[in-house]
Amino acid sequence: MSTPRDLLIVAMDVAPDHPVESGDLSLALAGAEVVDLLAADAVALDGELIVPNVQVPLSDGLLDEAATALVRETPYESVEDWLWRRGRGLSSAYLAALENEGLAARQRGRWIPVRSGKAALVDSPARSRAADRWATGEPVLAQLAAAVGIREVSDEDSAKVTDEALDTVLATVHDAVTELEAVRQRKSVEDAAYDNVWRGM
């Protein structure tokens, strides 16, 4: 399984009662794609720029799609720009992939025997592999999960990532999620102020 899929499975398994914000998860999934593209030697990082290597087919459809979507001409795209561009709606795409592959299913309504409502994971080898990776505290998965609020990561955990490129990707994911939360808070304040104006009229 891929890191993005493992991250989504962990998000659905570990925090089912406190769903992760889809925007946060989408940014982290885009970062997880870069992690796997680095591991597959499909890209390299030049500072914060994603430099594509010769494109080869990847076994995961969405990861292959990600490789196809890379900017292949100079100036290359930064990790931050990639997160915002590629991340748009990415959590929905990965969830749809899990459903299409029978790894997740929509729960049936009690009175209406059709699939509706929230998707839930089914028991599968993919779910077990993600759970094993989570249980061992694999540092990259742990930090991606921390970025979306599933867990806290200690300084000791952070020190386990010694690869400079991975460290750059993870730091950029954390920064992007923080920026998105700041945008949400600003919008919330603006909406509240707008409501107060209308109530005062």
Protein backbone atom coordinates (compact mmCIF):
# COMPACT_ATOMS: atom_id res chain seq x y z
CA MET A 1 0.00 0.00 0.00
CA SER A 2 1.01 3.61 -0.46
CA THR A 3 1.68 6.18 2.24
CA PRO A 4 -1.37 8.27 1.21
CA ARG A 5 -3.65 5.22 1.46
CA ASP A 6 -2.13 4.24 4.80
CA LEU A 7 -2.67 7.78 6.07
CA LEU A 8 -6.32 7.77 4.99
CA ILE A 9 -6.91 4.35 6.55
CA VAL A 10 -5.30 5.51 9.80
CA ALA A 11 -7.41 8.68 9.79
CA MET A 12 -10.58 6.60 9.36
CA ASP A 13 -9.53 3.95 11.91
CA VAL A 14 -7.95 6.03 14.67
CA ALA A 15 -10.25 9.03 14.68
CA PRO A 16 -13.68 7.84 13.45
CA ASP A 17 -15.55 9.92 16.06
CA HIS A 18 -13.42 13.02 15.44
CA PRO A 19 -13.13 13.19 11.67
CA VAL A 20 -10.12 14.98 10.28
CA GLU A 21 -10.85 18.12 8.28
CA SER A 22 -10.94 17.09 4.62
CA GLY A 23 -8.80 20.08 3.59
CA ASP A 24 -6.11 19.20 6.14
CA LEU A 25 -6.19 15.57 5.05
CA SER A 26 -5.98 16.51 1.37
CA LEU A 27 -2.85 18.59 1.99
CA ALA A 28 -1.26 15.75 3.97
CA LEU A 29 -2.18 13.21 1.27
CA ALA A 30 -0.48 15.38 -1.36
CA GLY A 31 2.59 15.46 0.89
CA ALA A 32 2.40 11.69 1.32
CA GLU A 33 2.42 11.36 -2.46
CA VAL A 34 5.70 13.28 -2.61
CA VAL A 35 7.10 10.94 0.06
CA ASP A 36 6.27 7.91 -2.10
CA LEU A 37 7.45 9.56 -5.30
CA LEU A 38 10.79 10.22 -3.59
CA ALA A 39 10.95 6.59 -2.45
CA ALA A 40 10.25 5.41 -6.03
CA ASP A 41 12.95 7.73 -7.41
CA ALA A 42 10.25 9.37 -9.52
CA VAL A 43 11.30 12.78 -8.14
CA ALA A 44 14.14 14.44 -6.27
CA LEU A 45 14.09 17.63 -4.24
CA ASP A 46 16.31 20.58 -5.10
CA GLY A 47 15.84 22.67 -1.99
CA GLU A 48 12.04 23.00 -1.96
CA LEU A 49 11.56 22.33 -5.67
CA ILE A 50 10.18 19.00 -6.90
CA VAL A 51 12.40 17.85 -9.77
CA PRO A 52 10.83 14.98 -11.77
CA ASN A 53 12.94 12.08 -12.99
CA VAL A 54 12.13 9.99 -16.05
CA GLN A 55 8.52 8.91 -15.68
CA VAL A 56 7.93 5.20 -15.17
CA PRO A 57 4.56 3.55 -14.47
CA LEU A 58 3.79 3.14 -10.78
CA SER A 59 1.71 0.31 -9.37
CA ASP A 60 -0.73 2.62 -7.55
CA GLY A 61 -3.17 4.39 -9.87
CA LEU A 62 -3.43 7.63 -7.88
CA LEU A 63 0.32 7.77 -7.36
CA ASP A 64 0.81 7.24 -11.08
CA GLU A 65 -1.67 10.08 -11.65
CA ALA A 66 0.37 12.24 -9.27
CA ALA A 67 3.56 11.50 -11.22
CA THR A 68 1.78 12.47 -14.45
CA ALA A 69 0.64 15.75 -12.86
CA LEU A 70 4.18 16.89 -11.96
CA VAL A 71 5.51 20.08 -13.51
CA ARG A 72 8.26 18.78 -15.79
CA GLU A 73 9.74 22.05 -17.03
CA THR A 74 11.77 24.69 -15.24
CA PRO A 75 11.04 26.49 -13.08
CA TYR A 76 9.85 23.42 -11.22
CA GLU A 77 7.05 23.51 -8.68
CA SER A 78 7.76 23.95 -4.98
CA VAL A 79 6.48 21.40 -2.47
CA GLU A 80 4.16 24.07 -1.07
CA ASP A 81 2.65 24.85 -4.48
CA TRP A 82 2.23 21.13 -5.13
CA LEU A 83 0.34 20.65 -1.87
CA TRP A 84 -2.16 23.39 -2.68
CA ARG A 85 -2.60 22.39 -6.33
CA ARG A 86 -2.60 18.62 -6.05
CA GLY A 87 -4.32 18.60 -2.67
CA ARG A 88 -7.58 20.13 -3.89
CA GLY A 89 -10.21 17.44 -3.24
CA LEU A 90 -7.57 14.71 -2.88
CA SER A 91 -9.11 13.11 0.21
CA SER A 92 -12.31 12.44 -1.78
CA ALA A 93 -10.29 10.88 -4.60
CA TYR A 94 -8.47 8.52 -2.24
CA LEU A 95 -11.69 7.60 -0.43
CA ALA A 96 -13.37 6.85 -3.77
CA ALA A 97 -10.40 4.63 -4.68
CA LEU A 98 -10.75 2.68 -1.43
CA GLU A 99 -14.47 2.23 -2.10
CA ASN A 100 -13.90 1.15 -5.72
CA GLU A 101 -11.41 -1.46 -4.55
CA GLY A 102 -13.78 -2.78 -1.86
CA LEU A 103 -11.57 -1.55 0.99
CA ALA A 104 -14.27 0.80 2.28
CA ALA A 105 -18.05 0.77 1.98
CA ARG A 106 -20.88 3.18 2.62
CA GLN A 107 -22.97 2.14 5.59
CA ARG A 108 -26.54 1.14 4.78
CA GLY A 109 -29.35 3.11 6.37
CA ARG A 110 -31.49 1.31 8.92
CA TRP A 111 -34.75 1.90 7.11
CA ILE A 112 -33.47 2.40 3.58
CA PRO A 113 -31.53 -0.59 2.23
CA VAL A 114 -29.26 1.49 0.01
CA ARG A 115 -25.71 2.59 0.58
CA SER A 116 -25.64 6.02 2.14
CA GLY A 117 -23.90 7.94 4.84
CA LYS A 118 -20.31 7.74 5.97
CA ALA A 119 -17.83 5.32 4.44
CA ALA A 120 -16.35 2.74 6.79
CA LEU A 121 -13.32 0.52 6.33
CA VAL A 122 -13.79 -3.19 5.81
CA ASP A 123 -11.37 -5.78 7.15
CA SER A 124 -8.66 -6.27 4.57
CA PRO A 125 -4.91 -6.91 4.26
CA ALA A 126 -4.52 -3.22 3.35
CA ARG A 127 -6.16 -2.17 6.61
CA SER A 128 -3.97 -4.58 8.57
CA ARG A 129 -0.79 -3.30 6.88
CA ALA A 130 -1.70 0.31 7.66
CA ALA A 131 -2.50 -0.65 11.27
CA ASP A 132 0.86 -2.41 11.58
CA ARG A 133 2.69 0.59 10.19
CA TRP A 134 0.81 2.83 12.64
CA ALA A 135 1.46 0.53 15.61
CA THR A 136 5.21 0.51 14.98
CA GLY A 137 5.24 4.31 15.05
CA GLU A 138 6.73 4.63 11.56
CA PRO A 139 8.02 8.23 11.77
CA VAL A 140 6.87 9.61 8.40
CA LEU A 141 3.32 8.28 8.81
CA ALA A 142 3.31 9.51 12.43
CA GLN A 143 4.32 13.03 11.41
CA LEU A 144 1.75 13.19 8.59
CA ALA A 145 -0.89 12.06 11.08
CA ALA A 146 0.28 14.69 13.55
CA ALA A 147 -0.07 17.38 10.87
CA VAL A 148 -3.79 16.64 10.59
CA GLY A 149 -4.31 16.40 14.35
CA ILE A 150 -4.55 12.64 14.83
CA ARG A 151 -1.66 12.49 17.29
CA GLU A 152 1.15 14.50 18.79
CA VAL A 153 4.72 13.94 17.72
CA SER A 154 7.55 14.41 20.19
CA ASP A 155 10.93 15.95 19.36
CA GLU A 156 12.33 12.43 19.64
CA ASP A 157 9.89 11.20 16.95
CA SER A 158 10.79 14.14 14.72
CA ALA A 159 14.49 13.35 15.07
CA LYS A 160 13.86 9.88 13.62
CA VAL A 161 13.39 11.42 10.16
CA THR A 162 16.98 11.96 9.08
CA ASP A 163 16.43 12.37 5.34
CA GLU A 164 16.58 16.06 4.43
CA ALA A 165 14.10 15.76 1.57
CA LEU A 166 11.53 13.97 3.74
CA ASP A 167 12.05 16.52 6.49
CA THR A 168 11.36 19.32 3.97
CA VAL A 169 8.13 17.66 2.80
CA LEU A 170 6.87 17.03 6.34
CA ALA A 171 7.66 20.57 7.50
CA THR A 172 5.87 22.00 4.45
CA VAL A 173 2.78 19.86 5.15
CA HIS A 174 2.69 21.10 8.76
CA ASP A 175 3.02 24.72 7.59
CA ALA A 176 0.28 24.34 4.95
CA VAL A 177 -2.17 22.79 7.43
CA THR A 178 -1.42 25.62 9.90
CA GLU A 179 -2.04 28.17 7.15
CA LEU A 180 -5.34 26.53 6.20
CA GLU A 181 -6.49 26.62 9.84
CA ALA A 182 -5.61 30.34 10.00
CA VAL A 183 -7.74 30.92 6.88
CA ARG A 184 -10.64 29.04 8.50
CA GLN A 185 -10.37 31.10 11.68
CA ARG A 186 -10.26 34.36 9.72
CA LYS A 187 -13.36 33.34 7.77
CA SER A 188 -15.14 32.36 10.98
CA VAL A 189 -14.39 35.77 12.52
CA GLU A 190 -15.51 37.57 9.35
CA ASP A 191 -18.74 35.53 9.19
CA ALA A 192 -19.47 36.24 12.85
CA ALA A 193 -18.88 39.98 12.32
CA TYR A 194 -21.18 39.92 9.27
CA ASP A 195 -23.93 38.17 11.29
CA ASN A 196 -23.58 40.75 14.07
CA VAL A 197 -24.01 43.59 11.57
CA TRP A 198 -27.24 42.06 10.29
CA ARG A 199 -28.54 41.44 13.80
CA GLY A 200 -27.83 45.06 14.69
CA MET A 201 -29.86 46.43 11.78
